[in-house]
Amino acid sequence: MKILVTGGAGFIGSAFVRLVMAETGWEVVNLDKLTYAGNLENLAEVESSGRYRFVQGDIADQAAVGALVAETKPDAIVHFAAESHVDRSIISPEPVIQTNLLGTFRLLEAARLNNVPRFVHVSTDEVYGSLPAPEEATEKFPLQPSSPYSASKAGSDMLALSYFVTFRMPVVVTRASNNYGPYQFPEKLIPLMIANALEDRPLPVYGDGMQIRDWLYVDDHCRGILAVLDKGRAGEIYNIGGNRSLPNLDVIHKLLALAGKPESLIQYVKDRPGHDRRYALSSEKILRETGWRPKVDFETGLARTIEWYRANAPWVARVRSGEYRNYYERNYANRV
């Protein structure tokens, strides 16, 4: 088995590559542009393997993508590559359109023209929009994206599924809830709060902090993708949730307690535009059809994540330098 992974130097993509390399005998080709969140340090443990190959490239580059797919002849493409941060998509919407829509189109075309036997398109619960309690989105739930990021992912989902309907291409779409775990770039909620807390810096909390998210440990997500790759039906969508919904403020309280830091570090800041209030997924379909279920409960996963960041302060310092620091200041300077 040979798989082409896009975005394999990012947080979730690198976790998936490490899992595949550790638990299978497959060959992995990793295509990544190495933008601000792509980090080859995340793959140091696999880079010397003869089963692993890294290729730097842009999924929106038609010639490069077409040539790579034709050359490697993968048994499957697992498509993680995306501009994935809502705040960044608000500051500058164009990159999410370029990567998430055009890039997905380039990959689908290359897969279609080269008869790739399997295409897994990795998406997000954000495409369902904000849901009132106690509603949970099933795979048939209407899409209500509210940010340029979630709109671009909803569009790429529909594009991928259209290739199944029109061309009978073996496409499967997964939609996961909020991921967390080691190696996550510190702009998302949990790694940002951990990194700041460990340095005794303020923790910027949007609005009242009562936005509700479902939390999924990254390795559980990756095992879900493997389950769909193995047993998922072409043309279908599979939600992958952690079955643990919490307000952001509760997450931060738990995090501070585990890190041994005071709640006085919490700093409320102006909410972001169009901030969805509540995400919620039903994962019954993937449980029923593949047998997958999450293994890591939230408290265990959060403690494990905090200890990883505590033990890897040099990694955090490196990724927070340069472009990320400029982004951080630009995003939060006017919110206090």
C-alpha atoms as a PDB file:
ATOM      1  CA  MET A   1       0.000   0.000   0.000  1.00  0.00           C
ATOM      2  CA  LYS A   2       1.291   3.437  -0.959  1.00  0.00           C
ATOM      3  CA  ILE A   3      -0.521   6.577   0.151  1.00  0.00           C
ATOM      4  CA  LEU A   4      -0.078  10.211  -0.801  1.00  0.00           C
ATOM      5  CA  VAL A   5      -0.727  12.472   2.189  1.00  0.00           C
ATOM      6  CA  THR A   6      -1.210  16.196   1.600  1.00  0.00           C
ATOM      7  CA  GLY A   7      -0.396  18.586   4.426  1.00  0.00           C
ATOM      8  CA  GLY A   8       1.535  15.898   6.240  1.00  0.00           C
ATOM      9  CA  ALA A   9       3.815  18.393   7.988  1.00  0.00           C
ATOM     10  CA  GLY A  10       0.902  20.077   9.752  1.00  0.00           C
ATOM     11  CA  PHE A  11      -0.547  19.156  13.116  1.00  0.00           C
ATOM     12  CA  ILE A  12      -3.094  16.491  12.163  1.00  0.00           C
ATOM     13  CA  GLY A  13      -1.316  15.404   8.988  1.00  0.00           C
ATOM     14  CA  SER A  14       1.965  14.733  10.788  1.00  0.00           C
ATOM     15  CA  ALA A  15       0.149  12.779  13.502  1.00  0.00           C
ATOM     16  CA  PHE A  16      -1.427  10.669  10.767  1.00  0.00           C
ATOM     17  CA  VAL A  17       1.924  10.073   9.056  1.00  0.00           C
ATOM     18  CA  ARG A  18       3.554   9.048  12.347  1.00  0.00           C
ATOM     19  CA  LEU A  19       0.672   6.661  13.079  1.00  0.00           C
ATOM     20  CA  VAL A  20       0.780   5.047   9.632  1.00  0.00           C
ATOM     21  CA  MET A  21       4.546   4.661   9.746  1.00  0.00           C
ATOM     22  CA  ALA A  22       4.420   3.134  13.245  1.00  0.00           C
ATOM     23  CA  GLU A  23       1.507   0.745  12.762  1.00  0.00           C
ATOM     24  CA  THR A  24       1.594  -0.324   9.102  1.00  0.00           C
ATOM     25  CA  GLY A  25       4.140  -1.321   6.496  1.00  0.00           C
ATOM     26  CA  TRP A  26       2.803   1.215   4.004  1.00  0.00           C
ATOM     27  CA  GLU A  27       4.822   3.674   1.954  1.00  0.00           C
ATOM     28  CA  VAL A  28       3.977   7.325   2.569  1.00  0.00           C
ATOM     29  CA  VAL A  29       4.593  10.252   0.237  1.00  0.00           C
ATOM     30  CA  ASN A  30       4.054  13.547   2.050  1.00  0.00           C
ATOM     31  CA  LEU A  31       3.231  16.616  -0.059  1.00  0.00           C
ATOM     32  CA  ASP A  32       3.352  19.852   1.932  1.00  0.00           C
ATOM     33  CA  LYS A  33       3.914  23.499   0.999  1.00  0.00           C
ATOM     34  CA  LEU A  34       5.529  24.217   4.384  1.00  0.00           C
ATOM     35  CA  THR A  35       3.559  27.350   5.172  1.00  0.00           C
ATOM     36  CA  TYR A  36       3.742  28.929   8.640  1.00  0.00           C
ATOM     37  CA  ALA A  37       2.130  25.880  10.328  1.00  0.00           C
ATOM     38  CA  GLY A  38       3.988  23.171   8.406  1.00  0.00           C
ATOM     39  CA  ASN A  39       6.903  21.860  10.434  1.00  0.00           C
ATOM     40  CA  LEU A  40       9.180  19.014   9.385  1.00  0.00           C
ATOM     41  CA  GLU A  41      10.387  18.728  12.993  1.00  0.00           C
ATOM     42  CA  ASN A  42       7.053  17.012  13.605  1.00  0.00           C
ATOM     43  CA  LEU A  43       8.276  14.131  11.423  1.00  0.00           C
ATOM     44  CA  ALA A  44      11.855  13.759  12.633  1.00  0.00           C
ATOM     45  CA  GLU A  45      11.187  10.227  13.859  1.00  0.00           C
ATOM     46  CA  VAL A  46      10.153   8.960  10.398  1.00  0.00           C
ATOM     47  CA  GLU A  47      12.274  11.014   8.001  1.00  0.00           C
ATOM     48  CA  SER A  48      15.056   8.424   7.739  1.00  0.00           C
ATOM     49  CA  SER A  49      12.701   5.562   6.865  1.00  0.00           C
ATOM     50  CA  GLY A  50      12.920   4.109   3.378  1.00  0.00           C
ATOM     51  CA  ARG A  51       9.106   3.966   3.361  1.00  0.00           C
ATOM     52  CA  TYR A  52       8.757   7.730   3.765  1.00  0.00           C
ATOM     53  CA  ARG A  53       9.327  10.504   1.254  1.00  0.00           C
ATOM     54  CA  PHE A  54       8.751  14.241   1.602  1.00  0.00           C
ATOM     55  CA  VAL A  55       7.936  16.464  -1.373  1.00  0.00           C
ATOM     56  CA  GLN A  56       7.620  20.220  -0.940  1.00  0.00           C
ATOM     57  CA  GLY A  57       4.907  21.612  -3.161  1.00  0.00           C
ATOM     58  CA  ASP A  58       1.640  23.513  -3.438  1.00  0.00           C
ATOM     59  CA  ILE A  59      -1.565  21.525  -3.961  1.00  0.00           C
ATOM     60  CA  ALA A  60      -2.848  24.421  -6.092  1.00  0.00           C
ATOM     61  CA  ASP A  61       0.017  23.901  -8.560  1.00  0.00           C
ATOM     62  CA  GLN A  62      -1.647  21.886 -11.321  1.00  0.00           C
ATOM     63  CA  ALA A  63       1.522  20.725 -13.055  1.00  0.00           C
ATOM     64  CA  ALA A  64       3.313  19.701  -9.863  1.00  0.00           C
ATOM     65  CA  VAL A  65       0.319  17.837  -8.419  1.00  0.00           C
ATOM     66  CA  GLY A  66      -0.444  16.067 -11.680  1.00  0.00           C
ATOM     67  CA  ALA A  67       3.163  14.977 -12.122  1.00  0.00           C
ATOM     68  CA  LEU A  68       3.474  13.712  -8.532  1.00  0.00           C
ATOM     69  CA  VAL A  69       0.280  11.656  -8.668  1.00  0.00           C
ATOM     70  CA  ALA A  70       1.247  10.198 -12.054  1.00  0.00           C
ATOM     71  CA  GLU A  71       4.732   9.331 -10.790  1.00  0.00           C
ATOM     72  CA  THR A  72       3.826   7.852  -7.408  1.00  0.00           C
ATOM     73  CA  LYS A  73       0.645   6.020  -8.504  1.00  0.00           C
ATOM     74  CA  PRO A  74      -0.747   5.967  -4.944  1.00  0.00           C
ATOM     75  CA  ASP A  75      -3.321   3.453  -3.779  1.00  0.00           C
ATOM     76  CA  ALA A  76      -4.975   6.300  -1.867  1.00  0.00           C
ATOM     77  CA  ILE A  77      -4.787  10.041  -1.351  1.00  0.00           C
ATOM     78  CA  VAL A  78      -5.504  11.349   2.154  1.00  0.00           C
ATOM     79  CA  HIS A  79      -6.067  15.081   1.824  1.00  0.00           C
ATOM     80  CA  PHE A  80      -5.321  17.156   4.943  1.00  0.00           C
ATOM     81  CA  ALA A  81      -3.709  20.216   3.335  1.00  0.00           C
ATOM     82  CA  ALA A  82      -5.697  23.336   4.151  1.00  0.00           C
ATOM     83  CA  GLU A  83      -5.559  26.841   5.494  1.00  0.00           C
ATOM     84  CA  SER A  84      -7.361  25.928   8.684  1.00  0.00           C
ATOM     85  CA  HIS A  85      -7.504  28.883  11.072  1.00  0.00           C
ATOM     86  CA  VAL A  86     -10.729  30.902  11.253  1.00  0.00           C
ATOM     87  CA  ASP A  87      -9.058  34.081  12.540  1.00  0.00           C
ATOM     88  CA  ARG A  88      -6.586  34.064   9.671  1.00  0.00           C
ATOM     89  CA  SER A  89      -9.410  33.572   7.165  1.00  0.00           C
ATOM     90  CA  ILE A  90     -11.116  36.676   8.590  1.00  0.00           C
ATOM     91  CA  ILE A  91      -7.962  38.791   8.395  1.00  0.00           C
ATOM     92  CA  SER A  92      -7.188  37.574   4.855  1.00  0.00           C
ATOM     93  CA  PRO A  93      -9.792  35.353   3.124  1.00  0.00           C
ATOM     94  CA  GLU A  94      -7.945  34.746  -0.153  1.00  0.00           C
ATOM     95  CA  PRO A  95      -5.517  32.009   1.026  1.00  0.00           C
ATOM     96  CA  VAL A  96      -8.352  29.755   2.223  1.00  0.00           C
ATOM     97  CA  ILE A  97     -10.032  30.015  -1.168  1.00  0.00           C
ATOM     98  CA  GLN A  98      -6.800  29.356  -3.039  1.00  0.00           C
ATOM     99  CA  THR A  99      -5.744  26.338  -0.962  1.00  0.00           C
ATOM    100  CA  ASN A 100      -9.001  24.832   0.242  1.00  0.00           C
ATOM    101  CA  LEU A 101     -11.028  25.169  -2.953  1.00  0.00           C
ATOM    102  CA  LEU A 102      -8.591  25.416  -5.862  1.00  0.00           C
ATOM    103  CA  GLY A 103      -6.077  23.074  -4.228  1.00  0.00           C
ATOM    104  CA  THR A 104      -8.744  20.439  -3.600  1.00  0.00           C
ATOM    105  CA  PHE A 105      -9.879  20.751  -7.221  1.00  0.00           C
ATOM    106  CA  ARG A 106      -6.311  20.196  -8.479  1.00  0.00           C
ATOM    107  CA  LEU A 107      -5.976  17.059  -6.343  1.00  0.00           C
ATOM    108  CA  LEU A 108      -9.351  15.669  -7.417  1.00  0.00           C
ATOM    109  CA  GLU A 109      -8.491  16.180 -11.070  1.00  0.00           C
ATOM    110  CA  ALA A 110      -5.100  14.515 -10.677  1.00  0.00           C
ATOM    111  CA  ALA A 111      -6.719  11.591  -8.859  1.00  0.00           C
ATOM    112  CA  ARG A 112      -9.427  11.262 -11.518  1.00  0.00           C
ATOM    113  CA  LEU A 113      -7.005  11.378 -14.450  1.00  0.00           C
ATOM    114  CA  ASN A 114      -4.739   8.788 -12.803  1.00  0.00           C
ATOM    115  CA  ASN A 115      -7.515   6.474 -11.548  1.00  0.00           C
ATOM    116  CA  VAL A 116      -6.473   6.671  -7.885  1.00  0.00           C
ATOM    117  CA  PRO A 117      -8.449   3.919  -6.107  1.00  0.00           C
ATOM    118  CA  ARG A 118      -9.285   5.909  -2.946  1.00  0.00           C
ATOM    119  CA  PHE A 119      -9.561   9.594  -2.005  1.00  0.00           C
ATOM    120  CA  VAL A 120     -10.214  10.666   1.594  1.00  0.00           C
ATOM    121  CA  HIS A 121     -11.054  14.350   1.954  1.00  0.00           C
ATOM    122  CA  VAL A 122     -10.525  15.557   5.541  1.00  0.00           C
ATOM    123  CA  SER A 123     -12.941  18.284   6.620  1.00  0.00           C
ATOM    124  CA  THR A 124     -14.422  19.868   9.741  1.00  0.00           C
ATOM    125  CA  ASP A 125     -17.547  20.116  11.870  1.00  0.00           C
ATOM    126  CA  GLU A 126     -17.477  23.877  11.288  1.00  0.00           C
ATOM    127  CA  VAL A 127     -19.288  23.389   7.973  1.00  0.00           C
ATOM    128  CA  TYR A 128     -22.472  22.664   9.959  1.00  0.00           C
ATOM    129  CA  GLY A 129     -22.361  26.056  11.650  1.00  0.00           C
ATOM    130  CA  SER A 130     -23.635  26.932  15.101  1.00  0.00           C
ATOM    131  CA  LEU A 131     -26.256  24.544  16.529  1.00  0.00           C
ATOM    132  CA  PRO A 132     -28.739  25.111  19.362  1.00  0.00           C
ATOM    133  CA  ALA A 133     -28.565  22.623  22.239  1.00  0.00           C
ATOM    134  CA  PRO A 134     -29.220  19.715  22.352  1.00  0.00           C
ATOM    135  CA  GLU A 135     -29.058  19.331  18.565  1.00  0.00           C
ATOM    136  CA  GLU A 136     -26.201  17.271  17.047  1.00  0.00           C
ATOM    137  CA  ALA A 137     -25.253  17.343  13.383  1.00  0.00           C
ATOM    138  CA  THR A 138     -25.506  14.068  11.490  1.00  0.00           C
ATOM    139  CA  GLU A 139     -23.922  13.662   8.083  1.00  0.00           C
ATOM    140  CA  LYS A 140     -27.218  14.688   6.456  1.00  0.00           C
ATOM    141  CA  PHE A 141     -27.415  17.949   8.398  1.00  0.00           C
ATOM    142  CA  PRO A 142     -27.637  21.138   6.254  1.00  0.00           C
ATOM    143  CA  LEU A 143     -24.429  23.104   5.864  1.00  0.00           C
ATOM    144  CA  GLN A 144     -24.367  26.574   7.416  1.00  0.00           C
ATOM    145  CA  PRO A 145     -20.754  27.817   7.306  1.00  0.00           C
ATOM    146  CA  SER A 146     -20.224  31.228   8.849  1.00  0.00           C
ATOM    147  CA  SER A 147     -16.568  32.125   8.167  1.00  0.00           C
ATOM    148  CA  PRO A 148     -14.469  32.230   4.998  1.00  0.00           C
ATOM    149  CA  TYR A 149     -12.633  29.169   6.345  1.00  0.00           C
ATOM    150  CA  SER A 150     -15.717  27.039   6.993  1.00  0.00           C
ATOM    151  CA  ALA A 151     -17.297  28.191   3.719  1.00  0.00           C
ATOM    152  CA  SER A 152     -14.197  27.120   1.806  1.00  0.00           C
ATOM    153  CA  LYS A 153     -14.279  23.715   3.503  1.00  0.00           C
ATOM    154  CA  ALA A 154     -17.995  23.278   2.805  1.00  0.00           C
ATOM    155  CA  GLY A 155     -17.338  24.125  -0.837  1.00  0.00           C
ATOM    156  CA  SER A 156     -14.442  21.675  -1.086  1.00  0.00           C
ATOM    157  CA  ASP A 157     -16.592  18.958   0.545  1.00  0.00           C
ATOM    158  CA  MET A 158     -19.297  19.448  -2.084  1.00  0.00           C
ATOM    159  CA  LEU A 159     -16.726  19.499  -4.854  1.00  0.00           C
ATOM    160  CA  ALA A 160     -15.223  16.213  -3.651  1.00  0.00           C
ATOM    161  CA  LEU A 161     -18.622  14.549  -3.384  1.00  0.00           C
ATOM    162  CA  SER A 162     -19.556  15.784  -6.858  1.00  0.00           C
ATOM    163  CA  TYR A 163     -16.628  13.799  -8.246  1.00  0.00           C
ATOM    164  CA  PHE A 164     -18.220  10.657  -6.855  1.00  0.00           C
ATOM    165  CA  VAL A 165     -21.627  11.476  -8.354  1.00  0.00           C
ATOM    166  CA  THR A 166     -20.365  12.671 -11.736  1.00  0.00           C
ATOM    167  CA  PHE A 167     -17.229  10.591 -12.305  1.00  0.00           C
ATOM    168  CA  ARG A 168     -17.843   7.693  -9.880  1.00  0.00           C
ATOM    169  CA  MET A 169     -14.546   8.562  -8.248  1.00  0.00           C
ATOM    170  CA  PRO A 170     -14.105   6.695  -4.912  1.00  0.00           C
ATOM    171  CA  VAL A 171     -14.240   9.766  -2.669  1.00  0.00           C
ATOM    172  CA  VAL A 172     -14.982   9.703   1.066  1.00  0.00           C
ATOM    173  CA  VAL A 173     -15.373  12.838   3.230  1.00  0.00           C
ATOM    174  CA  THR A 174     -14.624  12.990   6.966  1.00  0.00           C
ATOM    175  CA  ARG A 175     -15.699  15.825   9.273  1.00  0.00           C
ATOM    176  CA  ALA A 176     -14.010  16.005  12.663  1.00  0.00           C
ATOM    177  CA  SER A 177     -14.580  18.070  15.773  1.00  0.00           C
ATOM    178  CA  ASN A 178     -11.878  20.216  17.429  1.00  0.00           C
ATOM    179  CA  ASN A 179      -8.548  18.390  17.589  1.00  0.00           C
ATOM    180  CA  TYR A 180      -5.902  18.857  20.261  1.00  0.00           C
ATOM    181  CA  GLY A 181      -2.665  17.146  21.253  1.00  0.00           C
ATOM    182  CA  PRO A 182       1.139  17.379  20.898  1.00  0.00           C
ATOM    183  CA  TYR A 183       2.727  19.338  18.036  1.00  0.00           C
ATOM    184  CA  GLN A 184      -0.268  21.639  17.488  1.00  0.00           C
ATOM    185  CA  PHE A 185       0.715  25.100  16.265  1.00  0.00           C
ATOM    186  CA  PRO A 186      -0.013  27.555  19.119  1.00  0.00           C
ATOM    187  CA  GLU A 187      -2.727  29.642  17.517  1.00  0.00           C
ATOM    188  CA  LYS A 188      -5.669  27.301  18.235  1.00  0.00           C
ATOM    189  CA  LEU A 189      -7.327  27.488  21.653  1.00  0.00           C
ATOM    190  CA  ILE A 190      -5.681  24.678  23.642  1.00  0.00           C
ATOM    191  CA  PRO A 191      -2.039  25.028  22.513  1.00  0.00           C
ATOM    192  CA  LEU A 192      -2.237  28.830  22.717  1.00  0.00           C
ATOM    193  CA  MET A 193      -3.562  28.698  26.273  1.00  0.00           C
ATOM    194  CA  ILE A 194      -1.038  26.052  27.318  1.00  0.00           C
ATOM    195  CA  ALA A 195       1.922  27.940  25.855  1.00  0.00           C
ATOM    196  CA  ASN A 196       0.856  31.210  27.444  1.00  0.00           C
ATOM    197  CA  ALA A 197       0.044  29.628  30.801  1.00  0.00           C
ATOM    198  CA  LEU A 198       3.418  27.877  31.027  1.00  0.00           C
ATOM    199  CA  GLU A 199       5.083  31.270  30.461  1.00  0.00           C
ATOM    200  CA  ASP A 200       2.726  33.046  32.918  1.00  0.00           C
ATOM    201  CA  ARG A 201       1.383  35.220  30.118  1.00  0.00           C
ATOM    202  CA  PRO A 202      -2.276  36.366  29.797  1.00  0.00           C
ATOM    203  CA  LEU A 203      -4.741  33.895  28.291  1.00  0.00           C
ATOM    204  CA  PRO A 204      -6.895  35.839  25.768  1.00  0.00           C
ATOM    205  CA  VAL A 205     -10.471  34.532  25.967  1.00  0.00           C
ATOM    206  CA  TYR A 206     -12.896  35.600  23.238  1.00  0.00           C
ATOM    207  CA  GLY A 207     -16.130  37.197  24.469  1.00  0.00           C
ATOM    208  CA  ASP A 208     -17.589  35.439  27.511  1.00  0.00           C
ATOM    209  CA  GLY A 209     -15.717  32.192  26.770  1.00  0.00           C
ATOM    210  CA  MET A 210     -18.935  30.168  26.671  1.00  0.00           C
ATOM    211  CA  GLN A 211     -18.577  28.963  23.080  1.00  0.00           C
ATOM    212  CA  ILE A 212     -19.048  25.179  23.115  1.00  0.00           C
ATOM    213  CA  ARG A 213     -16.818  22.779  21.210  1.00  0.00           C
ATOM    214  CA  ASP A 214     -16.487  18.991  21.032  1.00  0.00           C
ATOM    215  CA  TRP A 215     -12.906  17.865  21.730  1.00  0.00           C
ATOM    216  CA  LEU A 216     -11.096  15.012  19.957  1.00  0.00           C
ATOM    217  CA  TYR A 217      -7.563  13.834  20.730  1.00  0.00           C
ATOM    218  CA  VAL A 218      -5.548  13.972  17.517  1.00  0.00           C
ATOM    219  CA  ASP A 219      -4.485  10.300  17.537  1.00  0.00           C
ATOM    220  CA  ASP A 220      -8.124   9.257  17.897  1.00  0.00           C
ATOM    221  CA  HIS A 221      -8.951  11.377  14.855  1.00  0.00           C
ATOM    222  CA  CYS A 222      -6.158   9.731  12.865  1.00  0.00           C
ATOM    223  CA  ARG A 223      -7.403   6.269  13.788  1.00  0.00           C
ATOM    224  CA  GLY A 224     -10.840   7.352  12.616  1.00  0.00           C
ATOM    225  CA  ILE A 225      -9.406   8.365   9.252  1.00  0.00           C
ATOM    226  CA  LEU A 226      -7.658   4.989   8.979  1.00  0.00           C
ATOM    227  CA  ALA A 227     -10.979   3.287   9.740  1.00  0.00           C
ATOM    228  CA  VAL A 228     -12.709   5.256   6.997  1.00  0.00           C
ATOM    229  CA  LEU A 229      -9.864   4.588   4.590  1.00  0.00           C
ATOM    230  CA  ASP A 230     -10.325   0.879   5.246  1.00  0.00           C
ATOM    231  CA  LYS A 231     -14.099   0.507   5.633  1.00  0.00           C
ATOM    232  CA  GLY A 232     -15.771   3.742   4.553  1.00  0.00           C
ATOM    233  CA  ARG A 233     -18.174   3.603   1.624  1.00  0.00           C
ATOM    234  CA  ALA A 234     -17.386   5.700  -1.468  1.00  0.00           C
ATOM    235  CA  GLY A 235     -19.542   8.781  -1.798  1.00  0.00           C
ATOM    236  CA  GLU A 236     -20.270   8.911   1.937  1.00  0.00           C
ATOM    237  CA  ILE A 237     -19.539  11.401   4.729  1.00  0.00           C
ATOM    238  CA  TYR A 238     -18.344  10.303   8.180  1.00  0.00           C
ATOM    239  CA  ASN A 239     -18.397  12.524  11.262  1.00  0.00           C
ATOM    240  CA  ILE A 240     -15.559  11.912  13.722  1.00  0.00           C
ATOM    241  CA  GLY A 241     -16.253  13.389  17.156  1.00  0.00           C
ATOM    242  CA  GLY A 242     -14.700  13.096  20.586  1.00  0.00           C
ATOM    243  CA  ASN A 243     -18.027  12.902  22.440  1.00  0.00           C
ATOM    244  CA  ARG A 244     -16.893  15.562  24.921  1.00  0.00           C
ATOM    245  CA  SER A 245     -18.491  18.981  24.504  1.00  0.00           C
ATOM    246  CA  LEU A 246     -17.341  21.794  26.803  1.00  0.00           C
ATOM    247  CA  PRO A 247     -17.484  25.596  26.900  1.00  0.00           C
ATOM    248  CA  ASN A 248     -14.106  27.126  26.105  1.00  0.00           C
ATOM    249  CA  LEU A 249     -13.945  28.649  29.574  1.00  0.00           C
ATOM    250  CA  ASP A 250     -14.332  25.216  31.192  1.00  0.00           C
ATOM    251  CA  VAL A 251     -11.470  23.936  29.040  1.00  0.00           C
ATOM    252  CA  ILE A 252      -9.302  26.824  30.210  1.00  0.00           C
ATOM    253  CA  HIS A 253     -10.159  26.255  33.879  1.00  0.00           C
ATOM    254  CA  LYS A 254      -9.224  22.567  33.541  1.00  0.00           C
ATOM    255  CA  LEU A 255      -6.032  23.488  31.728  1.00  0.00           C
ATOM    256  CA  LEU A 256      -4.931  25.986  34.371  1.00  0.00           C
ATOM    257  CA  ALA A 257      -5.632  23.507  37.171  1.00  0.00           C
ATOM    258  CA  LEU A 258      -3.603  20.774  35.462  1.00  0.00           C
ATOM    259  CA  ALA A 259      -0.767  23.199  34.720  1.00  0.00           C
ATOM    260  CA  GLY A 260      -0.774  24.543  38.278  1.00  0.00           C
ATOM    261  CA  LYS A 261      -1.368  28.114  37.135  1.00  0.00           C
ATOM    262  CA  PRO A 262      -3.688  30.796  38.559  1.00  0.00           C
ATOM    263  CA  GLU A 263      -7.008  31.742  36.988  1.00  0.00           C
ATOM    264  CA  SER A 264      -5.922  35.375  37.229  1.00  0.00           C
ATOM    265  CA  LEU A 265      -4.089  34.768  33.930  1.00  0.00           C
ATOM    266  CA  ILE A 266      -7.459  34.763  32.123  1.00  0.00           C
ATOM    267  CA  GLN A 267      -7.957  37.950  30.122  1.00  0.00           C
ATOM    268  CA  TYR A 268     -11.278  38.527  28.353  1.00  0.00           C
ATOM    269  CA  VAL A 269     -10.910  40.126  24.916  1.00  0.00           C
ATOM    270  CA  LYS A 270     -13.285  41.328  22.210  1.00  0.00           C
ATOM    271  CA  ASP A 271     -14.981  38.420  20.444  1.00  0.00           C
ATOM    272  CA  ARG A 272     -14.143  37.645  16.840  1.00  0.00           C
ATOM    273  CA  PRO A 273     -16.698  38.489  14.111  1.00  0.00           C
ATOM    274  CA  GLY A 274     -19.301  35.799  13.436  1.00  0.00           C
ATOM    275  CA  HIS A 275     -18.041  33.538  16.210  1.00  0.00           C
ATOM    276  CA  ASP A 276     -20.122  30.335  16.209  1.00  0.00           C
ATOM    277  CA  ARG A 277     -21.635  29.599  19.595  1.00  0.00           C
ATOM    278  CA  ARG A 278     -21.878  25.819  19.594  1.00  0.00           C
ATOM    279  CA  TYR A 279     -20.618  22.905  17.488  1.00  0.00           C
ATOM    280  CA  ALA A 280     -21.890  19.386  18.066  1.00  0.00           C
ATOM    281  CA  LEU A 281     -21.462  16.168  16.076  1.00  0.00           C
ATOM    282  CA  SER A 282     -23.090  12.773  16.023  1.00  0.00           C
ATOM    283  CA  SER A 283     -20.502  10.041  15.376  1.00  0.00           C
ATOM    284  CA  GLU A 284     -23.004   7.174  15.302  1.00  0.00           C
ATOM    285  CA  LYS A 285     -22.393   6.405  11.628  1.00  0.00           C
ATOM    286  CA  ILE A 286     -18.632   5.810  11.872  1.00  0.00           C
ATOM    287  CA  LEU A 287     -19.124   3.764  15.042  1.00  0.00           C
ATOM    288  CA  ARG A 288     -21.774   1.651  13.355  1.00  0.00           C
ATOM    289  CA  GLU A 289     -19.997   1.104  10.044  1.00  0.00           C
ATOM    290  CA  THR A 290     -16.336   0.817  11.052  1.00  0.00           C
ATOM    291  CA  GLY A 291     -16.276   0.059  14.786  1.00  0.00           C
ATOM    292  CA  TRP A 292     -14.102   3.097  15.486  1.00  0.00           C
ATOM    293  CA  ARG A 293     -14.515   4.922  18.766  1.00  0.00           C
ATOM    294  CA  PRO A 294     -12.315   7.434  20.630  1.00  0.00           C
ATOM    295  CA  LYS A 295      -9.893   5.926  23.138  1.00  0.00           C
ATOM    296  CA  VAL A 296      -8.484   8.980  24.936  1.00  0.00           C
ATOM    297  CA  ASP A 297     -10.804  10.791  27.354  1.00  0.00           C
ATOM    298  CA  PHE A 298     -10.487  14.572  27.483  1.00  0.00           C
ATOM    299  CA  GLU A 299      -8.883  14.934  30.912  1.00  0.00           C
ATOM    300  CA  THR A 300      -6.226  12.318  30.066  1.00  0.00           C
ATOM    301  CA  GLY A 301      -5.551  13.851  26.673  1.00  0.00           C
ATOM    302  CA  LEU A 302      -5.347  17.372  28.062  1.00  0.00           C
ATOM    303  CA  ALA A 303      -2.901  16.349  30.794  1.00  0.00           C
ATOM    304  CA  ARG A 304      -0.804  14.492  28.213  1.00  0.00           C
ATOM    305  CA  THR A 305      -0.806  17.548  25.951  1.00  0.00           C
ATOM    306  CA  ILE A 306       0.216  19.952  28.722  1.00  0.00           C
ATOM    307  CA  GLU A 307       3.116  17.708  29.709  1.00  0.00           C
ATOM    308  CA  TRP A 308       4.259  17.496  26.081  1.00  0.00           C
ATOM    309  CA  TYR A 309       4.343  21.288  25.753  1.00  0.00           C
ATOM    310  CA  ARG A 310       6.104  21.597  29.102  1.00  0.00           C
ATOM    311  CA  ALA A 311       8.765  19.103  27.977  1.00  0.00           C
ATOM    312  CA  ASN A 312       9.160  20.672  24.530  1.00  0.00           C
ATOM    313  CA  ALA A 313       9.600  24.362  25.286  1.00  0.00           C
ATOM    314  CA  PRO A 314      12.331  24.753  22.614  1.00  0.00           C
ATOM    315  CA  TRP A 315       9.907  23.483  19.945  1.00  0.00           C
ATOM    316  CA  VAL A 316       7.297  26.006  21.104  1.00  0.00           C
ATOM    317  CA  ALA A 317       9.858  28.828  21.064  1.00  0.00           C
ATOM    318  CA  ARG A 318      10.911  27.994  17.510  1.00  0.00           C
ATOM    319  CA  VAL A 319       7.407  27.839  16.057  1.00  0.00           C
ATOM    320  CA  ARG A 320       6.313  31.006  17.873  1.00  0.00           C
ATOM    321  CA  SER A 321       9.104  33.091  16.392  1.00  0.00           C
ATOM    322  CA  GLY A 322       8.966  35.209  13.258  1.00  0.00           C
ATOM    323  CA  GLU A 323       5.761  35.141  11.259  1.00  0.00           C
ATOM    324  CA  TYR A 324       3.646  33.665  14.048  1.00  0.00           C
ATOM    325  CA  ARG A 325       4.687  36.401  16.474  1.00  0.00           C
ATOM    326  CA  ASN A 326       3.685  39.034  13.907  1.00  0.00           C
ATOM    327  CA  TYR A 327       0.312  37.327  13.462  1.00  0.00           C
ATOM    328  CA  TYR A 328      -0.255  37.032  17.203  1.00  0.00           C
ATOM    329  CA  GLU A 329       0.338  40.720  17.792  1.00  0.00           C
ATOM    330  CA  ARG A 330      -1.824  41.740  14.809  1.00  0.00           C
ATOM    331  CA  ASN A 331      -4.715  39.525  15.874  1.00  0.00           C
ATOM    332  CA  TYR A 332      -4.846  40.348  19.591  1.00  0.00           C
ATOM    333  CA  ALA A 333      -3.409  43.862  19.918  1.00  0.00           C
ATOM    334  CA  ASN A 334      -6.752  45.629  19.431  1.00  0.00           C
ATOM    335  CA  ARG A 335      -8.982  43.200  21.313  1.00  0.00           C
ATOM    336  CA  VAL A 336      -8.163  44.044  24.938  1.00  0.00           C
END
